[in-house]
PDB file of N, CA and C in Angstrom:
ATOM      1  N   MET A   1     -15.447 -61.073  50.000  1.00  0.00           N
ATOM      2  CA  MET A   1     -15.708 -59.715  49.931  1.00  0.00           C
ATOM      3  C   MET A   1     -14.566 -58.954  49.192  1.00  0.00           C
ATOM      4  N   LEU A   2     -14.879 -58.011  48.457  1.00  0.00           N
ATOM      5  CA  LEU A   2     -13.930 -57.223  47.698  1.00  0.00           C
ATOM      6  C   LEU A   2     -13.396 -56.103  48.594  1.00  0.00           C
ATOM      7  N   GLY A   3     -12.105 -55.812  48.445  1.00  0.00           N
ATOM      8  CA  GLY A   3     -11.511 -54.722  49.201  1.00  0.00           C
ATOM      9  C   GLY A   3     -10.808 -53.801  48.283  1.00  0.00           C
ATOM     10  N   GLY A   4     -10.503 -52.598  48.753  1.00  0.00           N
ATOM     11  CA  GLY A   4      -9.692 -51.669  47.948  1.00  0.00           C
ATOM     12  C   GLY A   4      -8.224 -51.811  48.175  1.00  0.00           C
ATOM     13  N   LEU A   5      -7.508 -51.185  47.317  1.00  0.00           N
ATOM     14  CA  LEU A   5      -6.020 -51.192  47.430  1.00  0.00           C
ATOM     15  C   LEU A   5      -5.634 -49.912  48.204  1.00  0.00           C
ATOM     16  N   THR A   6      -4.614 -50.003  49.064  1.00  0.00           N
ATOM     17  CA  THR A   6      -4.118 -48.885  49.785  1.00  0.00           C
ATOM     18  C   THR A   6      -2.605 -48.706  49.506  1.00  0.00           C
ATOM     19  N   PRO A   7      -2.286 -47.989  48.381  1.00  0.00           N
ATOM     20  CA  PRO A   7      -0.898 -47.858  48.031  1.00  0.00           C
ATOM     21  C   PRO A   7      -0.091 -47.049  49.000  1.00  0.00           C
ATOM     22  N   SER A   8       1.155 -47.422  49.115  1.00  0.00           N
ATOM     23  CA  SER A   8       2.103 -46.700  49.976  1.00  0.00           C
ATOM     24  C   SER A   8       3.050 -45.839  49.027  1.00  0.00           C
ATOM     25  N   TYR A   9       2.967 -44.560  49.138  1.00  0.00           N
ATOM     26  CA  TYR A   9       3.753 -43.640  48.240  1.00  0.00           C
ATOM     27  C   TYR A   9       5.057 -43.221  48.959  1.00  0.00           C
ATOM     28  N   ALA A  10       6.065 -43.076  48.085  1.00  0.00           N
ATOM     29  CA  ALA A  10       7.370 -42.611  48.535  1.00  0.00           C
ATOM     30  C   ALA A  10       7.918 -41.597  47.528  1.00  0.00           C
ATOM     31  N   ALA A  11       8.817 -40.723  48.006  1.00  0.00           N
ATOM     32  CA  ALA A  11       9.458 -39.774  47.077  1.00  0.00           C
ATOM     33  C   ALA A  11      10.291 -40.607  46.114  1.00  0.00           C
ATOM     34  N   ALA A  12      10.232 -40.226  44.839  1.00  0.00           N
ATOM     35  CA  ALA A  12      11.113 -40.797  43.844  1.00  0.00           C
ATOM     36  C   ALA A  12      12.573 -40.553  44.195  1.00  0.00           C
ATOM     37  N   THR A  13      13.466 -41.499  43.978  1.00  0.00           N
ATOM     38  CA  THR A  13      14.839 -41.400  44.352  1.00  0.00           C
ATOM     39  C   THR A  13      15.707 -40.967  43.190  1.00  0.00           C
ATOM     40  N   ALA A  14      16.608 -40.005  43.353  1.00  0.00           N
ATOM     41  CA  ALA A  14      17.395 -39.476  42.206  1.00  0.00           C
ATOM     42  C   ALA A  14      18.186 -40.583  41.503  1.00  0.00           C
ATOM     43  N   GLY A  15      18.635 -41.604  42.197  1.00  0.00           N
ATOM     44  CA  GLY A  15      19.379 -42.659  41.538  1.00  0.00           C
ATOM     45  C   GLY A  15      18.502 -43.733  40.898  1.00  0.00           C
ATOM     46  N   GLY A  16      17.150 -43.564  41.023  1.00  0.00           N
ATOM     47  CA  GLY A  16      16.226 -44.516  40.498  1.00  0.00           C
ATOM     48  C   GLY A  16      15.616 -45.394  41.575  1.00  0.00           C
ATOM     49  N   ASP A  17      14.651 -46.186  41.198  1.00  0.00           N
ATOM     50  CA  ASP A  17      13.998 -47.063  42.109  1.00  0.00           C
ATOM     51  C   ASP A  17      13.790 -48.425  41.454  1.00  0.00           C
ATOM     52  N   GLU A  18      13.391 -49.412  42.235  1.00  0.00           N
ATOM     53  CA  GLU A  18      13.130 -50.770  41.758  1.00  0.00           C
ATOM     54  C   GLU A  18      12.062 -51.389  42.650  1.00  0.00           C
ATOM     55  N   PHE A  19      11.458 -52.416  42.055  1.00  0.00           N
ATOM     56  CA  PHE A  19      10.496 -53.204  42.827  1.00  0.00           C
ATOM     57  C   PHE A  19      10.475 -54.634  42.268  1.00  0.00           C
ATOM     58  N   VAL A  20      10.135 -55.574  43.110  1.00  0.00           N
ATOM     59  CA  VAL A  20      10.006 -56.962  42.742  1.00  0.00           C
ATOM     60  C   VAL A  20       8.747 -57.088  41.850  1.00  0.00           C
ATOM     61  N   ASN A  21       8.906 -57.806  40.725  1.00  0.00           N
ATOM     62  CA  ASN A  21       7.837 -57.902  39.757  1.00  0.00           C
ATOM     63  C   ASN A  21       7.288 -59.315  39.619  1.00  0.00           C
ATOM     64  N   SER A  22       5.991 -59.453  39.815  1.00  0.00           N
ATOM     65  CA  SER A  22       5.327 -60.768  39.569  1.00  0.00           C
ATOM     66  C   SER A  22       4.662 -60.724  38.181  1.00  0.00           C
ATOM     67  N   GLY A  23       4.605 -59.526  37.551  1.00  0.00           N
ATOM     68  CA  GLY A  23       3.857 -59.388  36.285  1.00  0.00           C
ATOM     69  C   GLY A  23       2.443 -58.825  36.524  1.00  0.00           C
ATOM     70  N   ARG A  24       2.109 -58.642  37.805  1.00  0.00           N
ATOM     71  CA  ARG A  24       0.772 -58.047  38.200  1.00  0.00           C
ATOM     72  C   ARG A  24       0.868 -56.676  38.815  1.00  0.00           C
ATOM     73  N   GLU A  25       2.044 -56.063  38.668  1.00  0.00           N
ATOM     74  CA  GLU A  25       2.213 -54.713  39.284  1.00  0.00           C
ATOM     75  C   GLU A  25       2.070 -53.591  38.269  1.00  0.00           C
ATOM     76  N   PHE A  26       1.694 -52.473  38.771  1.00  0.00           N
ATOM     77  CA  PHE A  26       1.773 -51.219  38.016  1.00  0.00           C
ATOM     78  C   PHE A  26       2.276 -50.178  39.003  1.00  0.00           C
ATOM     79  N   ILE A  27       2.782 -49.072  38.413  1.00  0.00           N
ATOM     80  CA  ILE A  27       3.239 -47.992  39.262  1.00  0.00           C
ATOM     81  C   ILE A  27       2.302 -46.845  39.105  1.00  0.00           C
ATOM     82  N   HIS A  28       2.012 -46.136  40.185  1.00  0.00           N
ATOM     83  CA  HIS A  28       1.201 -44.925  40.182  1.00  0.00           C
ATOM     84  C   HIS A  28       2.135 -43.787  40.550  1.00  0.00           C
ATOM     85  N   VAL A  29       2.316 -42.821  39.566  1.00  0.00           N
ATOM     86  CA  VAL A  29       3.257 -41.764  39.730  1.00  0.00           C
ATOM     87  C   VAL A  29       2.460 -40.450  39.842  1.00  0.00           C
ATOM     88  N   LYS A  30       2.822 -39.632  40.821  1.00  0.00           N
ATOM     89  CA  LYS A  30       2.191 -38.338  40.999  1.00  0.00           C
ATOM     90  C   LYS A  30       3.286 -37.278  40.842  1.00  0.00           C
ATOM     91  N   ASN A  31       2.976 -36.360  39.872  1.00  0.00           N
ATOM     92  CA  ASN A  31       3.951 -35.252  39.698  1.00  0.00           C
ATOM     93  C   ASN A  31       3.376 -33.951  40.269  1.00  0.00           C
ATOM     94  N   GLY A  32       3.874 -33.515  41.353  1.00  0.00           N
ATOM     95  CA  GLY A  32       3.445 -32.305  42.030  1.00  0.00           C
ATOM     96  C   GLY A  32       4.205 -31.056  41.566  1.00  0.00           C
ATOM     97  N   HIS A  33       5.085 -31.240  40.632  1.00  0.00           N
ATOM     98  CA  HIS A  33       5.993 -30.125  40.137  1.00  0.00           C
ATOM     99  C   HIS A  33       5.306 -29.293  39.122  1.00  0.00           C
ATOM    100  N   THR A  34       5.826 -28.089  38.837  1.00  0.00           N
ATOM    101  CA  THR A  34       5.224 -27.185  37.872  1.00  0.00           C
ATOM    102  C   THR A  34       5.714 -27.516  36.438  1.00  0.00           C
ATOM    103  N   SER A  35       6.609 -28.488  36.330  1.00  0.00           N
ATOM    104  CA  SER A  35       7.124 -28.905  35.036  1.00  0.00           C
ATOM    105  C   SER A  35       6.845 -30.366  34.817  1.00  0.00           C
ATOM    106  N   PRO A  36       6.724 -30.802  33.559  1.00  0.00           N
ATOM    107  CA  PRO A  36       6.558 -32.263  33.302  1.00  0.00           C
ATOM    108  C   PRO A  36       7.853 -33.036  33.697  1.00  0.00           C
ATOM    109  N   GLN A  37       7.699 -34.307  34.062  1.00  0.00           N
ATOM    110  CA  GLN A  37       8.869 -35.121  34.379  1.00  0.00           C
ATOM    111  C   GLN A  37       8.667 -36.467  33.678  1.00  0.00           C
ATOM    112  N   THR A  38       9.745 -37.061  33.227  1.00  0.00           N
ATOM    113  CA  THR A  38       9.695 -38.353  32.590  1.00  0.00           C
ATOM    114  C   THR A  38      10.099 -39.530  33.462  1.00  0.00           C
ATOM    115  N   VAL A  39       9.249 -40.521  33.463  1.00  0.00           N
ATOM    116  CA  VAL A  39       9.544 -41.762  34.183  1.00  0.00           C
ATOM    117  C   VAL A  39       9.889 -42.831  33.142  1.00  0.00           C
ATOM    118  N   THR A  40      11.031 -43.447  33.271  1.00  0.00           N
ATOM    119  CA  THR A  40      11.493 -44.435  32.278  1.00  0.00           C
ATOM    120  C   THR A  40      11.624 -45.774  32.947  1.00  0.00           C
ATOM    121  N   VAL A  41      10.886 -46.761  32.449  1.00  0.00           N
ATOM    122  CA  VAL A  41      10.976 -48.147  32.915  1.00  0.00           C
ATOM    123  C   VAL A  41      11.941 -48.884  32.011  1.00  0.00           C
ATOM    124  N   ASN A  42      12.969 -49.426  32.572  1.00  0.00           N
ATOM    125  CA  ASN A  42      14.083 -50.055  31.827  1.00  0.00           C
ATOM    126  C   ASN A  42      13.673 -51.413  31.282  1.00  0.00           C
ATOM    127  N   SER A  43      13.692 -51.582  29.999  1.00  0.00           N
ATOM    128  CA  SER A  43      13.488 -52.870  29.400  1.00  0.00           C
ATOM    129  C   SER A  43      14.811 -53.669  29.453  1.00  0.00           C
ATOM    130  N   GLN A  44      14.747 -54.938  29.792  1.00  0.00           N
ATOM    131  CA  GLN A  44      15.953 -55.742  29.998  1.00  0.00           C
ATOM    132  C   GLN A  44      16.276 -56.602  28.792  1.00  0.00           C
ATOM    133  N   THR A  45      15.430 -56.678  27.811  1.00  0.00           N
ATOM    134  CA  THR A  45      15.619 -57.538  26.666  1.00  0.00           C
ATOM    135  C   THR A  45      15.546 -56.733  25.352  1.00  0.00           C
ATOM    136  N   VAL A  46      16.256 -57.255  24.361  1.00  0.00           N
ATOM    137  CA  VAL A  46      16.158 -56.581  23.104  1.00  0.00           C
ATOM    138  C   VAL A  46      15.068 -57.263  22.177  1.00  0.00           C
ATOM    139  N   CYS A  47      14.494 -56.502  21.282  1.00  0.00           N
ATOM    140  CA  CYS A  47      13.488 -57.067  20.413  1.00  0.00           C
ATOM    141  C   CYS A  47      14.188 -57.888  19.297  1.00  0.00           C
ATOM    142  N   ASN A  48      13.416 -58.414  18.390  1.00  0.00           N
ATOM    143  CA  ASN A  48      14.016 -59.235  17.341  1.00  0.00           C
ATOM    144  C   ASN A  48      14.754 -58.399  16.328  1.00  0.00           C
ATOM    145  N   GLN A  49      14.731 -57.071  16.449  1.00  0.00           N
ATOM    146  CA  GLN A  49      15.496 -56.174  15.571  1.00  0.00           C
ATOM    147  C   GLN A  49      16.798 -55.752  16.232  1.00  0.00           C
ATOM    148  N   GLY A  50      17.013 -56.156  17.450  1.00  0.00           N
ATOM    149  CA  GLY A  50      18.222 -55.848  18.196  1.00  0.00           C
ATOM    150  C   GLY A  50      18.204 -54.605  19.039  1.00  0.00           C
ATOM    151  N   TYR A  51      16.948 -54.048  19.262  1.00  0.00           N
ATOM    152  CA  TYR A  51      16.866 -52.779  20.028  1.00  0.00           C
ATOM    153  C   TYR A  51      16.292 -53.062  21.403  1.00  0.00           C
ATOM    154  N   ASP A  52      16.760 -52.312  22.363  1.00  0.00           N
ATOM    155  CA  ASP A  52      16.231 -52.386  23.768  1.00  0.00           C
ATOM    156  C   ASP A  52      15.231 -51.203  23.865  1.00  0.00           C
ATOM    157  N   HIS A  53      13.960 -51.532  23.926  1.00  0.00           N
ATOM    158  CA  HIS A  53      12.868 -50.456  23.968  1.00  0.00           C
ATOM    159  C   HIS A  53      12.478 -50.185  25.400  1.00  0.00           C
ATOM    160  N   ASP A  54      13.161 -49.265  26.044  1.00  0.00           N
ATOM    161  CA  ASP A  54      12.719 -48.762  27.312  1.00  0.00           C
ATOM    162  C   ASP A  54      11.370 -48.128  27.185  1.00  0.00           C
ATOM    163  N   ALA A  55      10.676 -47.937  28.304  1.00  0.00           N
ATOM    164  CA  ALA A  55       9.328 -47.369  28.288  1.00  0.00           C
ATOM    165  C   ALA A  55       9.319 -46.023  28.966  1.00  0.00           C
ATOM    166  N   PRO A  56       9.545 -44.938  28.278  1.00  0.00           N
ATOM    167  CA  PRO A  56       9.498 -43.583  28.858  1.00  0.00           C
ATOM    168  C   PRO A  56       8.025 -43.110  28.880  1.00  0.00           C
ATOM    169  N   VAL A  57       7.614 -42.517  30.010  1.00  0.00           N
ATOM    170  CA  VAL A  57       6.254 -41.985  30.106  1.00  0.00           C
ATOM    171  C   VAL A  57       6.423 -40.562  30.702  1.00  0.00           C
ATOM    172  N   VAL A  58       5.889 -39.558  29.996  1.00  0.00           N
ATOM    173  CA  VAL A  58       5.881 -38.190  30.447  1.00  0.00           C
ATOM    174  C   VAL A  58       4.710 -37.970  31.382  1.00  0.00           C
ATOM    175  N   ILE A  59       4.991 -37.442  32.534  1.00  0.00           N
ATOM    176  CA  ILE A  59       3.973 -37.112  33.495  1.00  0.00           C
ATOM    177  C   ILE A  59       3.845 -35.562  33.499  1.00  0.00           C
ATOM    178  N   PRO A  60       2.765 -35.028  32.946  1.00  0.00           N
ATOM    179  CA  PRO A  60       2.613 -33.597  32.854  1.00  0.00           C
ATOM    180  C   PRO A  60       2.648 -32.949  34.278  1.00  0.00           C
ATOM    181  N   ALA A  61       2.895 -31.661  34.315  1.00  0.00           N
ATOM    182  CA  ALA A  61       2.882 -30.894  35.598  1.00  0.00           C
ATOM    183  C   ALA A  61       1.547 -31.114  36.302  1.00  0.00           C
ATOM    184  N   SER A  62       1.646 -31.361  37.574  1.00  0.00           N
ATOM    185  CA  SER A  62       0.446 -31.458  38.476  1.00  0.00           C
ATOM    186  C   SER A  62      -0.492 -32.555  38.065  1.00  0.00           C
ATOM    187  N   GLU A  63      -0.006 -33.603  37.430  1.00  0.00           N
ATOM    188  CA  GLU A  63      -0.808 -34.749  36.988  1.00  0.00           C
ATOM    189  C   GLU A  63      -0.246 -36.027  37.484  1.00  0.00           C
ATOM    190  N   GLU A  64      -0.914 -37.143  37.224  1.00  0.00           N
ATOM    191  CA  GLU A  64      -0.430 -38.459  37.669  1.00  0.00           C
ATOM    192  C   GLU A  64      -0.743 -39.437  36.577  1.00  0.00           C
ATOM    193  N   ARG A  65      -0.008 -40.543  36.596  1.00  0.00           N
ATOM    194  CA  ARG A  65      -0.210 -41.616  35.611  1.00  0.00           C
ATOM    195  C   ARG A  65      -0.075 -42.962  36.312  1.00  0.00           C
ATOM    196  N   MET A  66      -0.802 -43.955  35.790  1.00  0.00           N
ATOM    197  CA  MET A  66      -0.610 -45.334  36.170  1.00  0.00           C
ATOM    198  C   MET A  66       0.029 -46.026  34.973  1.00  0.00           C
ATOM    199  N   ILE A  67       1.167 -46.729  35.293  1.00  0.00           N
ATOM    200  CA  ILE A  67       2.025 -47.284  34.299  1.00  0.00           C
ATOM    201  C   ILE A  67       2.147 -48.798  34.593  1.00  0.00           C
ATOM    202  N   GLY A  68       1.976 -49.627  33.587  1.00  0.00           N
ATOM    203  CA  GLY A  68       2.104 -51.041  33.768  1.00  0.00           C
ATOM    204  C   GLY A  68       0.898 -51.801  33.234  1.00  0.00           C
ATOM    205  N   PRO A  69       0.818 -53.094  33.407  1.00  0.00           N
ATOM    206  CA  PRO A  69       1.758 -53.956  34.103  1.00  0.00           C
ATOM    207  C   PRO A  69       2.990 -54.211  33.290  1.00  0.00           C
ATOM    208  N   PHE A  70       3.940 -54.924  33.916  1.00  0.00           N
ATOM    209  CA  PHE A  70       5.270 -55.101  33.313  1.00  0.00           C
ATOM    210  C   PHE A  70       5.556 -56.546  33.063  1.00  0.00           C
ATOM    211  N   PRO A  71       5.463 -56.999  31.857  1.00  0.00           N
ATOM    212  CA  PRO A  71       5.751 -58.407  31.498  1.00  0.00           C
ATOM    213  C   PRO A  71       7.188 -58.849  32.016  1.00  0.00           C
ATOM    214  N   LYS A  72       7.239 -59.947  32.721  1.00  0.00           N
ATOM    215  CA  LYS A  72       8.481 -60.330  33.348  1.00  0.00           C
ATOM    216  C   LYS A  72       9.621 -60.539  32.348  1.00  0.00           C
ATOM    217  N   GLY A  73       9.301 -61.135  31.224  1.00  0.00           N
ATOM    218  CA  GLY A  73      10.352 -61.414  30.225  1.00  0.00           C
ATOM    219  C   GLY A  73      10.990 -60.180  29.687  1.00  0.00           C
ATOM    220  N   ARG A  74      10.257 -59.085  29.653  1.00  0.00           N
ATOM    221  CA  ARG A  74      10.797 -57.843  29.105  1.00  0.00           C
ATOM    222  C   ARG A  74      11.422 -56.933  30.135  1.00  0.00           C
ATOM    223  N   PHE A  75      10.817 -56.871  31.349  1.00  0.00           N
ATOM    224  CA  PHE A  75      11.239 -55.848  32.326  1.00  0.00           C
ATOM    225  C   PHE A  75      11.988 -56.408  33.480  1.00  0.00           C
ATOM    226  N   ASP A  76      11.985 -57.628  33.821  1.00  0.00           N
ATOM    227  CA  ASP A  76      12.712 -58.201  35.011  1.00  0.00           C
ATOM    228  C   ASP A  76      14.199 -58.195  34.746  1.00  0.00           C
ATOM    229  N   ASP A  77      14.945 -57.695  35.766  1.00  0.00           N
ATOM    230  CA  ASP A  77      16.396 -57.814  35.718  1.00  0.00           C
ATOM    231  C   ASP A  77      16.757 -59.166  36.276  1.00  0.00           C
ATOM    232  N   ALA A  78      18.052 -59.426  36.454  1.00  0.00           N
ATOM    233  CA  ALA A  78      18.500 -60.745  36.977  1.00  0.00           C
ATOM    234  C   ALA A  78      17.938 -61.112  38.310  1.00  0.00           C
ATOM    235  N   ASN A  79      17.475 -60.106  39.096  1.00  0.00           N
ATOM    236  CA  ASN A  79      16.987 -60.336  40.409  1.00  0.00           C
ATOM    237  C   ASN A  79      15.420 -60.302  40.456  1.00  0.00           C
ATOM    238  N   GLY A  80      14.778 -60.289  39.246  1.00  0.00           N
ATOM    239  CA  GLY A  80      13.368 -60.292  39.209  1.00  0.00           C
ATOM    240  C   GLY A  80      12.778 -58.905  39.563  1.00  0.00           C
ATOM    241  N   LYS A  81      13.524 -57.892  39.390  1.00  0.00           N
ATOM    242  CA  LYS A  81      13.066 -56.539  39.740  1.00  0.00           C
ATOM    243  C   LYS A  81      12.968 -55.630  38.468  1.00  0.00           C
ATOM    244  N   VAL A  82      12.007 -54.649  38.586  1.00  0.00           N
ATOM    245  CA  VAL A  82      11.879 -53.660  37.512  1.00  0.00           C
ATOM    246  C   VAL A  82      12.657 -52.453  37.953  1.00  0.00           C
ATOM    247  N   GLN A  83      13.428 -51.869  37.001  1.00  0.00           N
ATOM    248  CA  GLN A  83      14.265 -50.704  37.306  1.00  0.00           C
ATOM    249  C   GLN A  83      13.641 -49.443  36.692  1.00  0.00           C
ATOM    250  N   ILE A  84      13.560 -48.370  37.455  1.00  0.00           N
ATOM    251  CA  ILE A  84      12.828 -47.136  37.039  1.00  0.00           C
ATOM    252  C   ILE A  84      13.823 -45.987  37.243  1.00  0.00           C
ATOM    253  N   THR A  85      13.885 -45.097  36.249  1.00  0.00           N
ATOM    254  CA  THR A  85      14.663 -43.847  36.430  1.00  0.00           C
ATOM    255  C   THR A  85      13.791 -42.684  36.095  1.00  0.00           C
ATOM    256  N   TYR A  86      14.262 -41.434  36.455  1.00  0.00           N
ATOM    257  CA  TYR A  86      13.474 -40.269  36.266  1.00  0.00           C
ATOM    258  C   TYR A  86      14.290 -39.115  35.727  1.00  0.00           C
ATOM    259  N   SER A  87      13.637 -38.189  34.983  1.00  0.00           N
ATOM    260  CA  SER A  87      14.300 -37.025  34.481  1.00  0.00           C
ATOM    261  C   SER A  87      14.506 -35.998  35.586  1.00  0.00           C
ATOM    262  N   GLY A  88      13.693 -36.100  36.613  1.00  0.00           N
ATOM    263  CA  GLY A  88      13.828 -35.254  37.805  1.00  0.00           C
ATOM    264  C   GLY A  88      12.970 -35.865  38.894  1.00  0.00           C
ATOM    265  N   VAL A  89      13.219 -35.486  40.134  1.00  0.00           N
ATOM    266  CA  VAL A  89      12.484 -36.112  41.236  1.00  0.00           C
ATOM    267  C   VAL A  89      11.813 -35.095  42.138  1.00  0.00           C
ATOM    268  N   THR A  90      11.880 -33.816  41.815  1.00  0.00           N
ATOM    269  CA  THR A  90      11.279 -32.801  42.618  1.00  0.00           C
ATOM    270  C   THR A  90       9.767 -32.982  42.637  1.00  0.00           C
ATOM    271  N   ALA A  91       9.191 -33.155  43.800  1.00  0.00           N
ATOM    272  CA  ALA A  91       7.754 -33.283  43.998  1.00  0.00           C
ATOM    273  C   ALA A  91       7.156 -34.494  43.263  1.00  0.00           C
ATOM    274  N   LEU A  92       7.966 -35.553  43.023  1.00  0.00           N
ATOM    275  CA  LEU A  92       7.531 -36.720  42.280  1.00  0.00           C
ATOM    276  C   LEU A  92       7.407 -37.835  43.355  1.00  0.00           C
ATOM    277  N   THR A  93       6.224 -38.464  43.435  1.00  0.00           N
ATOM    278  CA  THR A  93       6.009 -39.594  44.318  1.00  0.00           C
ATOM    279  C   THR A  93       5.539 -40.787  43.508  1.00  0.00           C
ATOM    280  N   ILE A  94       5.849 -41.999  44.028  1.00  0.00           N
ATOM    281  CA  ILE A  94       5.557 -43.210  43.341  1.00  0.00           C
ATOM    282  C   ILE A  94       5.111 -44.301  44.286  1.00  0.00           C
ATOM    283  N   ALA A  95       4.235 -45.154  43.773  1.00  0.00           N
ATOM    284  CA  ALA A  95       3.798 -46.347  44.591  1.00  0.00           C
ATOM    285  C   ALA A  95       3.779 -47.484  43.562  1.00  0.00           C
ATOM    286  N   ALA A  96       4.373 -48.617  43.943  1.00  0.00           N
ATOM    287  CA  ALA A  96       4.250 -49.828  43.207  1.00  0.00           C
ATOM    288  C   ALA A  96       3.069 -50.652  43.763  1.00  0.00           C
ATOM    289  N   VAL A  97       2.109 -50.963  42.951  1.00  0.00           N
ATOM    290  CA  VAL A  97       0.898 -51.652  43.431  1.00  0.00           C
ATOM    291  C   VAL A  97       0.696 -52.992  42.713  1.00  0.00           C
ATOM    292  N   ARG A  98       0.530 -53.994  43.496  1.00  0.00           N
ATOM    293  CA  ARG A  98       0.255 -55.323  42.954  1.00  0.00           C
ATOM    294  C   ARG A  98      -1.235 -55.595  42.919  1.00  0.00           C
ATOM    295  N   VAL A  99      -1.738 -55.936  41.739  1.00  0.00           N
ATOM    296  CA  VAL A  99      -3.138 -56.246  41.605  1.00  0.00           C
ATOM    297  C   VAL A  99      -3.335 -57.723  42.060  1.00  0.00           C
ATOM    298  N   PRO A 100      -4.307 -57.951  42.948  1.00  0.00           N
ATOM    299  CA  PRO A 100      -4.458 -59.321  43.485  1.00  0.00           C
ATOM    300  C   PRO A 100      -4.992 -60.280  42.371  1.00  0.00           C
TER     301      PRO A 100
END
């Protein structure tokens, strides 16, 4: 039988957030603020041109975005976690969701 996902949302943390990555996760970000906010997923490796391409995503005011999945080789830190930072955290909530 198929079942639905029940994400658990938390307020975004000013110092950033992290989650354990299997490569099957995405993040669902809800921006309840009146201004856009940027969510940046930190890339851990450089490309063949020597650049580290983080993944910034602008979440417009009063909107939400699903971001991911996150390839392990690019986004996992030394502890197997993905690191996320924010331009602001007012009225910003996030859930990391693993797709079965």
